[in-house]
Amino acid sequence: MKPIIEMRSSRQGVSTLFIAIVIVIIVVIIAVAAYVLLTDNNNNNEETLAPGTTMTYDVTDDGAETGTLEQTIVGQSSTDYFVESKLTGDKKTIQYSLSKKGTPDGAVTTGTEDLETFEGTKTLTVWEYMITDPSGGTQAVTAYINPENGVVFKNVIVYNDLNSTTDAQKTEVQTLTAYDLVWQTSYNVSDSVGKAYEYAYILGPMTLSVKIVCVADCQNDQYGIVYDYSETIENLKDYFLSDNPQGLPEVAVDTGQTTTLTGTIDGDVTVELWSISFESGDSFNFYCDPDTHVIYKFVISAKGNDSSYDLVSKP
């Protein structure tokens, strides 16, 4: 999945260095498909899948085994599920994403096919659609779905090789080996979902904007969060699990340091410094109020350069 960077016309002056600084925080799992049919169409009680649902797949990439993918619905909003994807094997990683409840936009049925599954031979409905990964790359998905409960038994995903200089296409196949469905008949979205905190980074004559938005209520009183860079870089979004709707990533570590920020939108504030460190030596740092959990500033450090985003608007 090669990042496709399309700059808005008003952002043509943004340097490639800025792109590199932003891209460093994106953790991309190769070709993770969304769920397709997330409702039981034959259920008179109109049940839908609930957080706690898991699906486990064996994964091959151009025929070579690459590991096991476990997708878990860990949260939801009124329109989307917040999905945790864990890939084990050579490319161990965790990624969060939003998956639309119901059929993805643009999905079409192309017929049915009999497939051998771990539950025996099943007649599955074939769907085809496109998805966009967090860095803006596109993937062509063919999904084989049990029409009785919406379980995706197989995904065939064609994507551009991130490591190729010629955008060579590769094919990943995800084959279902286990699943556990949890159902719900109702869900009430919290007041936190949809709240947005806006940040600005001054780069010469330009102001680059980022929004931290709460997009899902999650299990264990947590929240699904998106860091939305798309006003500057088309489609670029990064998802995290957070203990608070203000958006500090769960994986951030308290450094034990405190400092006072002057001249914030709330005046002078004393904040804690939290950080995410990468193997490359780059880091993602957050200046967070310990009482309100508001992030007043975050700094992305990459390739020896920093981009500092200051809070300019809050709910």
C-alpha atoms as a PDB file:
ATOM      1  CA  MET A   1       0.000   0.000   0.000  1.00  0.00           C
ATOM      2  CA  LYS A   2       2.070   2.877  -1.245  1.00  0.00           C
ATOM      3  CA  PRO A   3       1.072   6.231   0.302  1.00  0.00           C
ATOM      4  CA  ILE A   4      -0.593   8.429  -2.287  1.00  0.00           C
ATOM      5  CA  ILE A   5       0.091  12.038  -1.350  1.00  0.00           C
ATOM      6  CA  GLU A   6      -2.222  14.460  -3.125  1.00  0.00           C
ATOM      7  CA  MET A   7      -1.832  18.050  -1.950  1.00  0.00           C
ATOM      8  CA  ARG A   8      -4.756  20.458  -2.054  1.00  0.00           C
ATOM      9  CA  SER A   9      -4.187  23.388  -4.422  1.00  0.00           C
ATOM     10  CA  SER A  10      -3.854  25.759  -1.462  1.00  0.00           C
ATOM     11  CA  ARG A  11      -1.119  23.581   0.023  1.00  0.00           C
ATOM     12  CA  GLN A  12       1.244  23.271  -2.939  1.00  0.00           C
ATOM     13  CA  GLY A  13       4.025  24.958  -0.985  1.00  0.00           C
ATOM     14  CA  VAL A  14       4.075  22.331   1.748  1.00  0.00           C
ATOM     15  CA  SER A  15       7.500  20.729   1.727  1.00  0.00           C
ATOM     16  CA  THR A  16       8.223  17.041   1.256  1.00  0.00           C
ATOM     17  CA  LEU A  17       9.894  17.233   4.648  1.00  0.00           C
ATOM     18  CA  PHE A  18       6.527  17.928   6.244  1.00  0.00           C
ATOM     19  CA  ILE A  19       5.080  14.898   4.449  1.00  0.00           C
ATOM     20  CA  ALA A  20       7.870  12.733   5.867  1.00  0.00           C
ATOM     21  CA  ILE A  21       7.261  14.100   9.355  1.00  0.00           C
ATOM     22  CA  VAL A  22       3.584  13.191   9.195  1.00  0.00           C
ATOM     23  CA  ILE A  23       4.007   9.812   7.507  1.00  0.00           C
ATOM     24  CA  VAL A  24       6.347   8.600  10.255  1.00  0.00           C
ATOM     25  CA  ILE A  25       3.445   8.209  12.670  1.00  0.00           C
ATOM     26  CA  ILE A  26       1.364   6.086  10.325  1.00  0.00           C
ATOM     27  CA  VAL A  27       1.563   2.353  11.090  1.00  0.00           C
ATOM     28  CA  VAL A  28       0.159   0.532   8.074  1.00  0.00           C
ATOM     29  CA  ILE A  29      -0.827  -3.132   8.004  1.00  0.00           C
ATOM     30  CA  ILE A  30      -0.554  -4.539   4.518  1.00  0.00           C
ATOM     31  CA  ALA A  31      -3.996  -4.830   2.946  1.00  0.00           C
ATOM     32  CA  VAL A  32      -6.388  -5.008   5.880  1.00  0.00           C
ATOM     33  CA  ALA A  33      -9.901  -5.202   4.501  1.00  0.00           C
ATOM     34  CA  ALA A  34     -13.025  -3.890   6.142  1.00  0.00           C
ATOM     35  CA  TYR A  35     -16.001  -5.958   7.131  1.00  0.00           C
ATOM     36  CA  VAL A  36     -18.712  -5.989   4.491  1.00  0.00           C
ATOM     37  CA  LEU A  37     -22.135  -7.055   5.770  1.00  0.00           C
ATOM     38  CA  LEU A  38     -22.300  -6.288   9.459  1.00  0.00           C
ATOM     39  CA  THR A  39     -25.935  -7.141  10.041  1.00  0.00           C
ATOM     40  CA  ASP A  40     -27.961 -10.319  10.142  1.00  0.00           C
ATOM     41  CA  ASN A  41     -30.495  -9.662   7.409  1.00  0.00           C
ATOM     42  CA  ASN A  42     -32.625 -12.617   8.492  1.00  0.00           C
ATOM     43  CA  ASN A  43     -32.924 -11.529  12.113  1.00  0.00           C
ATOM     44  CA  ASN A  44     -36.370 -10.135  12.933  1.00  0.00           C
ATOM     45  CA  ASN A  45     -35.015  -8.359  16.010  1.00  0.00           C
ATOM     46  CA  GLU A  46     -32.756  -6.275  13.755  1.00  0.00           C
ATOM     47  CA  GLU A  47     -29.655  -7.330  15.652  1.00  0.00           C
ATOM     48  CA  THR A  48     -26.280  -5.972  14.585  1.00  0.00           C
ATOM     49  CA  LEU A  49     -22.771  -7.003  15.470  1.00  0.00           C
ATOM     50  CA  ALA A  50     -21.498  -5.559  18.736  1.00  0.00           C
ATOM     51  CA  PRO A  51     -18.074  -4.761  20.210  1.00  0.00           C
ATOM     52  CA  GLY A  52     -16.362  -7.955  21.270  1.00  0.00           C
ATOM     53  CA  THR A  53     -16.882  -9.633  17.883  1.00  0.00           C
ATOM     54  CA  THR A  54     -13.678 -11.232  16.593  1.00  0.00           C
ATOM     55  CA  MET A  55     -12.625 -12.778  13.282  1.00  0.00           C
ATOM     56  CA  THR A  56      -9.317 -14.587  12.733  1.00  0.00           C
ATOM     57  CA  TYR A  57      -7.699 -15.086   9.333  1.00  0.00           C
ATOM     58  CA  ASP A  58      -4.662 -16.873   7.929  1.00  0.00           C
ATOM     59  CA  VAL A  59      -2.860 -14.448   5.621  1.00  0.00           C
ATOM     60  CA  THR A  60      -0.760 -15.063   2.504  1.00  0.00           C
ATOM     61  CA  ASP A  61       0.968 -12.446   0.365  1.00  0.00           C
ATOM     62  CA  ASP A  62       1.542 -13.516  -3.247  1.00  0.00           C
ATOM     63  CA  GLY A  63       1.169 -17.093  -2.007  1.00  0.00           C
ATOM     64  CA  ALA A  64       3.683 -16.820   0.847  1.00  0.00           C
ATOM     65  CA  GLU A  65       2.403 -17.213   4.404  1.00  0.00           C
ATOM     66  CA  THR A  66       2.774 -13.959   6.337  1.00  0.00           C
ATOM     67  CA  GLY A  67       0.965 -14.641   9.604  1.00  0.00           C
ATOM     68  CA  THR A  68      -2.401 -14.453  11.309  1.00  0.00           C
ATOM     69  CA  LEU A  69      -4.753 -11.489  11.283  1.00  0.00           C
ATOM     70  CA  GLU A  70      -7.197 -11.028  14.161  1.00  0.00           C
ATOM     71  CA  GLN A  71      -9.803  -8.323  13.741  1.00  0.00           C
ATOM     72  CA  THR A  72     -11.849  -7.272  16.760  1.00  0.00           C
ATOM     73  CA  ILE A  73     -14.669  -4.775  16.927  1.00  0.00           C
ATOM     74  CA  VAL A  74     -13.616  -2.746  19.966  1.00  0.00           C
ATOM     75  CA  GLY A  75     -16.008   0.206  19.581  1.00  0.00           C
ATOM     76  CA  GLN A  76     -18.658   1.914  17.514  1.00  0.00           C
ATOM     77  CA  SER A  77     -20.525   5.081  16.621  1.00  0.00           C
ATOM     78  CA  SER A  78     -23.990   5.301  15.097  1.00  0.00           C
ATOM     79  CA  THR A  79     -22.524   4.757  11.595  1.00  0.00           C
ATOM     80  CA  ASP A  80     -19.189   2.942  12.020  1.00  0.00           C
ATOM     81  CA  TYR A  81     -17.331   0.235  13.923  1.00  0.00           C
ATOM     82  CA  PHE A  82     -13.905   0.897  15.415  1.00  0.00           C
ATOM     83  CA  VAL A  83     -11.808  -2.148  14.522  1.00  0.00           C
ATOM     84  CA  GLU A  84      -8.531  -3.354  16.015  1.00  0.00           C
ATOM     85  CA  SER A  85      -6.404  -5.384  13.586  1.00  0.00           C
ATOM     86  CA  LYS A  86      -3.534  -7.470  14.956  1.00  0.00           C
ATOM     87  CA  LEU A  87      -1.139  -9.086  12.513  1.00  0.00           C
ATOM     88  CA  THR A  88       1.256 -11.696  13.878  1.00  0.00           C
ATOM     89  CA  GLY A  89       4.197 -13.257  12.067  1.00  0.00           C
ATOM     90  CA  ASP A  90       7.029 -11.409  10.325  1.00  0.00           C
ATOM     91  CA  LYS A  91       5.071  -8.135  10.277  1.00  0.00           C
ATOM     92  CA  LYS A  92       3.812  -7.975  13.856  1.00  0.00           C
ATOM     93  CA  THR A  93       1.792  -4.825  14.296  1.00  0.00           C
ATOM     94  CA  ILE A  94      -1.513  -3.388  15.521  1.00  0.00           C
ATOM     95  CA  GLN A  95      -3.654  -0.915  13.634  1.00  0.00           C
ATOM     96  CA  TYR A  96      -7.018   0.701  14.274  1.00  0.00           C
ATOM     97  CA  SER A  97      -9.504   1.719  11.618  1.00  0.00           C
ATOM     98  CA  LEU A  98     -13.118   2.682  11.038  1.00  0.00           C
ATOM     99  CA  SER A  99     -15.379   0.257   9.202  1.00  0.00           C
ATOM    100  CA  LYS A 100     -18.780   1.387   7.996  1.00  0.00           C
ATOM    101  CA  LYS A 101     -21.765  -0.454   9.437  1.00  0.00           C
ATOM    102  CA  GLY A 102     -23.319  -2.255   6.512  1.00  0.00           C
ATOM    103  CA  THR A 103     -22.032  -2.416   2.963  1.00  0.00           C
ATOM    104  CA  PRO A 104     -19.001  -0.281   1.987  1.00  0.00           C
ATOM    105  CA  ASP A 105     -19.584   2.570  -0.430  1.00  0.00           C
ATOM    106  CA  GLY A 106     -19.417   1.403  -4.019  1.00  0.00           C
ATOM    107  CA  ALA A 107     -19.637  -2.315  -3.192  1.00  0.00           C
ATOM    108  CA  VAL A 108     -21.359  -4.495  -5.787  1.00  0.00           C
ATOM    109  CA  THR A 109     -22.347  -8.154  -5.805  1.00  0.00           C
ATOM    110  CA  THR A 110     -20.971 -10.219  -8.655  1.00  0.00           C
ATOM    111  CA  GLY A 111     -22.659 -13.558  -7.929  1.00  0.00           C
ATOM    112  CA  THR A 112     -22.106 -16.552  -5.663  1.00  0.00           C
ATOM    113  CA  GLU A 113     -19.381 -19.149  -5.310  1.00  0.00           C
ATOM    114  CA  ASP A 114     -19.049 -22.476  -3.488  1.00  0.00           C
ATOM    115  CA  LEU A 115     -15.940 -22.474  -1.290  1.00  0.00           C
ATOM    116  CA  GLU A 116     -14.390 -24.991   1.054  1.00  0.00           C
ATOM    117  CA  THR A 117     -14.196 -23.395   4.494  1.00  0.00           C
ATOM    118  CA  PHE A 118     -13.223 -24.607   7.960  1.00  0.00           C
ATOM    119  CA  GLU A 119     -16.979 -25.158   8.456  1.00  0.00           C
ATOM    120  CA  GLY A 120     -17.322 -27.202   5.273  1.00  0.00           C
ATOM    121  CA  THR A 121     -18.552 -26.224   1.804  1.00  0.00           C
ATOM    122  CA  LYS A 122     -20.524 -22.994   1.799  1.00  0.00           C
ATOM    123  CA  THR A 123     -22.272 -21.008  -0.914  1.00  0.00           C
ATOM    124  CA  LEU A 124     -20.959 -17.496  -0.431  1.00  0.00           C
ATOM    125  CA  THR A 125     -21.974 -14.164  -1.932  1.00  0.00           C
ATOM    126  CA  VAL A 126     -19.154 -12.394  -3.797  1.00  0.00           C
ATOM    127  CA  TRP A 127     -18.734  -8.651  -3.261  1.00  0.00           C
ATOM    128  CA  GLU A 128     -16.236  -6.305  -4.909  1.00  0.00           C
ATOM    129  CA  TYR A 129     -15.293  -2.855  -3.639  1.00  0.00           C
ATOM    130  CA  MET A 130     -12.414  -0.441  -3.060  1.00  0.00           C
ATOM    131  CA  ILE A 131     -11.049   0.755   0.276  1.00  0.00           C
ATOM    132  CA  THR A 132      -8.633   3.534   1.167  1.00  0.00           C
ATOM    133  CA  ASP A 133      -5.904   2.830   3.720  1.00  0.00           C
ATOM    134  CA  PRO A 134      -4.906   5.441   6.341  1.00  0.00           C
ATOM    135  CA  SER A 135      -2.185   6.911   4.112  1.00  0.00           C
ATOM    136  CA  GLY A 136      -4.462   7.342   1.112  1.00  0.00           C
ATOM    137  CA  GLY A 137      -3.561   4.223  -0.905  1.00  0.00           C
ATOM    138  CA  THR A 138      -6.352   2.190  -2.509  1.00  0.00           C
ATOM    139  CA  GLN A 139      -7.000  -1.535  -2.430  1.00  0.00           C
ATOM    140  CA  ALA A 140      -9.294  -3.624  -4.627  1.00  0.00           C
ATOM    141  CA  VAL A 141     -11.160  -6.145  -2.468  1.00  0.00           C
ATOM    142  CA  THR A 142     -13.089  -9.262  -3.449  1.00  0.00           C
ATOM    143  CA  ALA A 143     -14.950 -10.583  -0.407  1.00  0.00           C
ATOM    144  CA  TYR A 144     -16.708 -13.941  -0.001  1.00  0.00           C
ATOM    145  CA  ILE A 145     -19.515 -13.572   2.532  1.00  0.00           C
ATOM    146  CA  ASN A 146     -21.969 -15.889   4.245  1.00  0.00           C
ATOM    147  CA  PRO A 147     -25.343 -14.279   3.407  1.00  0.00           C
ATOM    148  CA  GLU A 148     -26.897 -15.788   6.535  1.00  0.00           C
ATOM    149  CA  ASN A 149     -24.861 -13.816   9.062  1.00  0.00           C
ATOM    150  CA  GLY A 150     -22.531 -11.510   7.132  1.00  0.00           C
ATOM    151  CA  VAL A 151     -19.344 -13.374   8.084  1.00  0.00           C
ATOM    152  CA  VAL A 152     -16.520 -12.710   5.625  1.00  0.00           C
ATOM    153  CA  PHE A 153     -14.925 -16.110   4.955  1.00  0.00           C
ATOM    154  CA  LYS A 154     -12.335 -14.864   2.495  1.00  0.00           C
ATOM    155  CA  ASN A 155     -10.831 -11.583   1.286  1.00  0.00           C
ATOM    156  CA  VAL A 156      -8.709 -11.293  -1.849  1.00  0.00           C
ATOM    157  CA  ILE A 157      -6.986  -7.908  -1.863  1.00  0.00           C
ATOM    158  CA  VAL A 158      -4.945  -6.407  -4.701  1.00  0.00           C
ATOM    159  CA  TYR A 159      -2.731  -3.493  -3.665  1.00  0.00           C
ATOM    160  CA  ASN A 160       0.349  -1.572  -4.761  1.00  0.00           C
ATOM    161  CA  ASP A 161       3.605  -2.749  -3.193  1.00  0.00           C
ATOM    162  CA  LEU A 162       4.833  -0.062  -0.791  1.00  0.00           C
ATOM    163  CA  ASN A 163       8.442  -1.185  -1.302  1.00  0.00           C
ATOM    164  CA  SER A 164       8.296  -1.108  -5.095  1.00  0.00           C
ATOM    165  CA  THR A 165       9.468   1.872  -7.121  1.00  0.00           C
ATOM    166  CA  THR A 166       7.203   0.815  -9.993  1.00  0.00           C
ATOM    167  CA  ASP A 167       3.956   0.486  -7.999  1.00  0.00           C
ATOM    168  CA  ALA A 168       3.937  -3.254  -8.693  1.00  0.00           C
ATOM    169  CA  GLN A 169       0.725  -4.920  -7.592  1.00  0.00           C
ATOM    170  CA  LYS A 170       0.604  -7.704  -5.040  1.00  0.00           C
ATOM    171  CA  THR A 171      -2.222  -9.955  -3.886  1.00  0.00           C
ATOM    172  CA  GLU A 172      -3.038 -10.738  -0.281  1.00  0.00           C
ATOM    173  CA  VAL A 173      -5.501 -13.479   0.653  1.00  0.00           C
ATOM    174  CA  GLN A 174      -7.170 -13.623   4.056  1.00  0.00           C
ATOM    175  CA  THR A 175      -8.859 -16.955   4.879  1.00  0.00           C
ATOM    176  CA  LEU A 176     -11.155 -17.203   7.898  1.00  0.00           C
ATOM    177  CA  THR A 177     -10.173 -19.812  10.491  1.00  0.00           C
ATOM    178  CA  ALA A 178     -12.334 -18.783  13.476  1.00  0.00           C
ATOM    179  CA  TYR A 179     -14.900 -16.223  14.548  1.00  0.00           C
ATOM    180  CA  ASP A 180     -16.969 -15.223  17.556  1.00  0.00           C
ATOM    181  CA  LEU A 181     -20.005 -13.025  16.940  1.00  0.00           C
ATOM    182  CA  VAL A 182     -21.509 -10.769  19.605  1.00  0.00           C
ATOM    183  CA  TRP A 183     -24.907  -9.261  18.847  1.00  0.00           C
ATOM    184  CA  GLN A 184     -26.798  -6.187  20.019  1.00  0.00           C
ATOM    185  CA  THR A 185     -30.309  -4.853  19.494  1.00  0.00           C
ATOM    186  CA  SER A 186     -29.564  -1.233  20.402  1.00  0.00           C
ATOM    187  CA  TYR A 187     -26.767   1.266  20.986  1.00  0.00           C
ATOM    188  CA  ASN A 188     -26.853   4.830  22.294  1.00  0.00           C
ATOM    189  CA  VAL A 189     -23.977   6.994  21.124  1.00  0.00           C
ATOM    190  CA  SER A 190     -22.266   9.062  23.823  1.00  0.00           C
ATOM    191  CA  ASP A 191     -21.932  12.843  23.838  1.00  0.00           C
ATOM    192  CA  SER A 192     -18.169  12.450  23.340  1.00  0.00           C
ATOM    193  CA  VAL A 193     -18.422  11.061  19.808  1.00  0.00           C
ATOM    194  CA  GLY A 194     -17.958  13.826  17.259  1.00  0.00           C
ATOM    195  CA  LYS A 195     -16.153  16.266  19.540  1.00  0.00           C
ATOM    196  CA  ALA A 196     -13.117  17.769  17.823  1.00  0.00           C
ATOM    197  CA  TYR A 197      -9.962  19.564  18.967  1.00  0.00           C
ATOM    198  CA  GLU A 198      -8.229  21.654  16.294  1.00  0.00           C
ATOM    199  CA  TYR A 199      -4.472  22.279  16.072  1.00  0.00           C
ATOM    200  CA  ALA A 200      -2.273  24.480  13.898  1.00  0.00           C
ATOM    201  CA  TYR A 201       1.368  24.288  12.833  1.00  0.00           C
ATOM    202  CA  ILE A 202       2.857  27.500  11.430  1.00  0.00           C
ATOM    203  CA  LEU A 203       5.166  26.766   8.488  1.00  0.00           C
ATOM    204  CA  GLY A 204       6.401  30.026   7.021  1.00  0.00           C
ATOM    205  CA  PRO A 205       3.424  31.869   5.500  1.00  0.00           C
ATOM    206  CA  MET A 206       1.174  28.821   5.828  1.00  0.00           C
ATOM    207  CA  THR A 207      -0.833  27.344   8.658  1.00  0.00           C
ATOM    208  CA  LEU A 208      -1.208  23.546   8.569  1.00  0.00           C
ATOM    209  CA  SER A 209      -4.223  22.135  10.381  1.00  0.00           C
ATOM    210  CA  VAL A 210      -4.895  18.869  12.210  1.00  0.00           C
ATOM    211  CA  LYS A 211      -8.039  17.746  14.005  1.00  0.00           C
ATOM    212  CA  ILE A 212      -8.192  15.242  16.854  1.00  0.00           C
ATOM    213  CA  VAL A 213     -11.706  13.811  16.777  1.00  0.00           C
ATOM    214  CA  CYS A 214     -13.449  11.256  18.978  1.00  0.00           C
ATOM    215  CA  VAL A 215     -15.067   8.849  16.495  1.00  0.00           C
ATOM    216  CA  ALA A 216     -16.223   5.894  18.613  1.00  0.00           C
ATOM    217  CA  ASP A 217     -17.291   4.677  22.025  1.00  0.00           C
ATOM    218  CA  CYS A 218     -15.112   1.684  22.900  1.00  0.00           C
ATOM    219  CA  GLN A 219     -15.018  -1.145  25.391  1.00  0.00           C
ATOM    220  CA  ASN A 220     -13.593  -0.640  28.887  1.00  0.00           C
ATOM    221  CA  ASP A 221     -14.641   3.040  28.890  1.00  0.00           C
ATOM    222  CA  GLN A 222     -12.184   3.909  26.133  1.00  0.00           C
ATOM    223  CA  TYR A 223     -12.632   5.850  22.915  1.00  0.00           C
ATOM    224  CA  GLY A 224     -11.678   5.584  19.250  1.00  0.00           C
ATOM    225  CA  ILE A 225      -9.730   8.642  18.098  1.00  0.00           C
ATOM    226  CA  VAL A 226      -8.643   9.929  14.688  1.00  0.00           C
ATOM    227  CA  TYR A 227      -5.798  12.360  14.030  1.00  0.00           C
ATOM    228  CA  ASP A 228      -7.075  13.885  10.809  1.00  0.00           C
ATOM    229  CA  TYR A 229      -4.416  15.507   8.576  1.00  0.00           C
ATOM    230  CA  SER A 230      -6.578  15.464   5.457  1.00  0.00           C
ATOM    231  CA  GLU A 231      -6.939  19.237   5.244  1.00  0.00           C
ATOM    232  CA  THR A 232      -3.217  19.288   4.464  1.00  0.00           C
ATOM    233  CA  ILE A 233      -2.646  15.846   2.925  1.00  0.00           C
ATOM    234  CA  GLU A 234      -5.544  14.213   1.111  1.00  0.00           C
ATOM    235  CA  ASN A 235      -7.057  11.228   2.981  1.00  0.00           C
ATOM    236  CA  LEU A 236      -4.288  11.077   5.605  1.00  0.00           C
ATOM    237  CA  LYS A 237      -5.702   9.910   8.931  1.00  0.00           C
ATOM    238  CA  ASP A 238      -4.242   8.032  11.875  1.00  0.00           C
ATOM    239  CA  TYR A 239      -6.391   6.104  14.377  1.00  0.00           C
ATOM    240  CA  PHE A 240      -5.707   5.381  18.039  1.00  0.00           C
ATOM    241  CA  LEU A 241      -7.381   3.892  21.083  1.00  0.00           C
ATOM    242  CA  SER A 242      -7.528   6.371  23.967  1.00  0.00           C
ATOM    243  CA  ASP A 243      -8.560   6.383  27.614  1.00  0.00           C
ATOM    244  CA  ASN A 244     -10.153   9.805  27.123  1.00  0.00           C
ATOM    245  CA  PRO A 245     -12.130  11.529  24.337  1.00  0.00           C
ATOM    246  CA  GLN A 246      -9.496  14.282  24.254  1.00  0.00           C
ATOM    247  CA  GLY A 247      -7.318  11.864  22.299  1.00  0.00           C
ATOM    248  CA  LEU A 248      -4.074  10.968  24.090  1.00  0.00           C
ATOM    249  CA  PRO A 249      -3.150   7.600  22.499  1.00  0.00           C
ATOM    250  CA  GLU A 250      -3.264   4.624  24.839  1.00  0.00           C
ATOM    251  CA  VAL A 251       0.248   3.646  23.741  1.00  0.00           C
ATOM    252  CA  ALA A 252       1.741   6.967  24.862  1.00  0.00           C
ATOM    253  CA  VAL A 253       4.055   6.735  27.891  1.00  0.00           C
ATOM    254  CA  ASP A 254       4.234   9.259  30.734  1.00  0.00           C
ATOM    255  CA  THR A 255       7.813  10.602  30.752  1.00  0.00           C
ATOM    256  CA  GLY A 256       7.424  11.936  34.292  1.00  0.00           C
ATOM    257  CA  GLN A 257       8.226  15.458  33.102  1.00  0.00           C
ATOM    258  CA  THR A 258       6.043  18.532  33.545  1.00  0.00           C
ATOM    259  CA  THR A 259       6.293  22.004  32.065  1.00  0.00           C
ATOM    260  CA  THR A 260       4.297  25.223  31.821  1.00  0.00           C
ATOM    261  CA  LEU A 261       3.015  26.319  28.434  1.00  0.00           C
ATOM    262  CA  THR A 262       2.451  30.047  28.109  1.00  0.00           C
ATOM    263  CA  GLY A 263       0.001  31.790  25.835  1.00  0.00           C
ATOM    264  CA  THR A 264      -2.298  28.837  25.115  1.00  0.00           C
ATOM    265  CA  ILE A 265      -5.962  29.413  24.304  1.00  0.00           C
ATOM    266  CA  ASP A 266      -6.546  28.948  28.052  1.00  0.00           C
ATOM    267  CA  GLY A 267      -3.617  31.065  29.157  1.00  0.00           C
ATOM    268  CA  ASP A 268      -0.667  29.540  31.018  1.00  0.00           C
ATOM    269  CA  VAL A 269      -1.166  25.832  31.773  1.00  0.00           C
ATOM    270  CA  THR A 270       0.945  23.211  33.524  1.00  0.00           C
ATOM    271  CA  VAL A 271       1.114  20.023  31.467  1.00  0.00           C
ATOM    272  CA  GLU A 272       2.616  16.551  31.554  1.00  0.00           C
ATOM    273  CA  LEU A 273       4.816  15.266  28.740  1.00  0.00           C
ATOM    274  CA  TRP A 274       3.760  11.934  27.199  1.00  0.00           C
ATOM    275  CA  SER A 275       5.601  10.275  24.314  1.00  0.00           C
ATOM    276  CA  ILE A 276       5.507   7.532  21.698  1.00  0.00           C
ATOM    277  CA  SER A 277       8.975   6.406  20.537  1.00  0.00           C
ATOM    278  CA  PHE A 278       9.727   4.584  17.289  1.00  0.00           C
ATOM    279  CA  GLU A 279      12.563   2.194  16.450  1.00  0.00           C
ATOM    280  CA  SER A 280      13.829   4.756  13.940  1.00  0.00           C
ATOM    281  CA  GLY A 281      14.538   7.180  16.784  1.00  0.00           C
ATOM    282  CA  ASP A 282      11.610   9.413  15.783  1.00  0.00           C
ATOM    283  CA  SER A 283       8.960  10.315  18.344  1.00  0.00           C
ATOM    284  CA  PHE A 284       5.459  11.686  18.863  1.00  0.00           C
ATOM    285  CA  ASN A 285       5.183  13.902  21.967  1.00  0.00           C
ATOM    286  CA  PHE A 286       2.111  15.251  23.756  1.00  0.00           C
ATOM    287  CA  TYR A 287       1.701  18.101  26.256  1.00  0.00           C
ATOM    288  CA  CYS A 288      -1.368  17.091  28.233  1.00  0.00           C
ATOM    289  CA  ASP A 289      -3.289  18.691  31.115  1.00  0.00           C
ATOM    290  CA  PRO A 290      -3.375  16.010  33.857  1.00  0.00           C
ATOM    291  CA  ASP A 291      -6.813  17.103  35.107  1.00  0.00           C
ATOM    292  CA  THR A 292      -8.804  17.889  31.957  1.00  0.00           C
ATOM    293  CA  HIS A 293      -6.807  15.529  29.660  1.00  0.00           C
ATOM    294  CA  VAL A 294      -6.735  18.263  27.003  1.00  0.00           C
ATOM    295  CA  ILE A 295      -3.680  18.081  24.726  1.00  0.00           C
ATOM    296  CA  TYR A 296      -2.474  21.673  24.406  1.00  0.00           C
ATOM    297  CA  LYS A 297       0.387  20.828  22.055  1.00  0.00           C
ATOM    298  CA  PHE A 298       1.849  17.844  20.262  1.00  0.00           C
ATOM    299  CA  VAL A 299       5.178  17.609  18.489  1.00  0.00           C
ATOM    300  CA  ILE A 300       6.194  15.133  15.781  1.00  0.00           C
ATOM    301  CA  SER A 301       9.972  14.627  15.647  1.00  0.00           C
ATOM    302  CA  ALA A 302      11.286  12.918  12.514  1.00  0.00           C
ATOM    303  CA  LYS A 303      14.596  12.871  10.678  1.00  0.00           C
ATOM    304  CA  GLY A 304      15.991  15.477  13.061  1.00  0.00           C
ATOM    305  CA  ASN A 305      13.155  17.926  12.446  1.00  0.00           C
ATOM    306  CA  ASP A 306      10.161  18.884  14.577  1.00  0.00           C
ATOM    307  CA  SER A 307       6.636  19.972  13.676  1.00  0.00           C
ATOM    308  CA  SER A 308       4.777  21.513  16.592  1.00  0.00           C
ATOM    309  CA  TYR A 309       0.980  21.731  16.642  1.00  0.00           C
ATOM    310  CA  ASP A 310      -0.744  24.088  19.080  1.00  0.00           C
ATOM    311  CA  LEU A 311      -4.355  23.835  20.209  1.00  0.00           C
ATOM    312  CA  VAL A 312      -6.443  26.582  18.559  1.00  0.00           C
ATOM    313  CA  SER A 313     -10.007  25.357  19.174  1.00  0.00           C
ATOM    314  CA  LYS A 314     -11.759  22.938  21.521  1.00  0.00           C
ATOM    315  CA  PRO A 315     -15.413  21.880  22.122  1.00  0.00           C
END
